[in-house]
Amino acid sequence: MVTGQASSAEMQALAQEFVQFAVDSGVLRFGEFKTKAGRMSPYFFNAGLFDDGAKLGRLAQFYAKALLASGLEFDMIFGPAYKGIPLGAAVAIELARLGRNVPFAYNRKEAKDHGEGGSLVGAPLKGRVLIVDDVMSAGTAARESIALIQAAGATPHAIAIALDRQEMATEKQADGSVRDVSHSAVQYVRHTLGMQVCTIAQLSDLLAFLARQSQPELLAHLAHVQAYRDRYGV
């Protein structure tokens, strides 16, 4: 495996392999799906469907490869409830298998008032913390994790996600309405919060995957995904 800064070609190859894996696993699906922002998306990525040991183990391999290839430095992993908990744990296990053993912690949605108490479980939060999650839409979950990490006296340093949808984020207005903004959630985290983001694949990788398909049932989705990118992409 390549560690340190990998070439663009190596990262693209990893992204294409991941998209193929997500499609084969039924995690990346095509059709009509309503997003949290109220948009009708022609594709849907549901990391909760990596639902057996083999799939979760292979997913962790993709995260670990992307992280090691990126050269990103961090001191520990944080998995935000709920999907981030198994993702973060699996990635920590895979990194340890590859010789990069780091502490791992996660949070509960509801604070516990008995036993060890509190909302944080696992290693104490300290140093440069890597948040592991599936996707970022509005960035709300990321902001919640960042607040928890800062409250514990640690540094929210970077976020690793499986898929960057590369689309405009939304912001809730004072009157309760929602409007599109000119940046994506990933761009917001990078440029406004000053954190690094490591992604396994992006929407552009999905488009490249569809464009090279010989299977008519997959190639048929290319125009719909491209139209969505043209309308909401950043």
Foldseek 3Di string as FASTA:
>chain_A
DDFDADDPVVLLVLLLVLLVLCVVLVQKDADWDQDPLRDTARIHGHPPSCPDDVSLLVVLVLLLVLCRNHNDDWAEEEQEPDQRPSNRVSVQVVCVVVPRHHWYKYFAPDWDPDDVTGTIDTDQQAEEYEYEDAEDAQLPSVVVVQVVSVVSVHHPAEYEYAEYAQFFHWDQDPVRHIDTDPGGSQCCCCPVVVHYYGYSYYLVSVLVSLVPDPDPVSVVCNVRSVVVCVVTHD
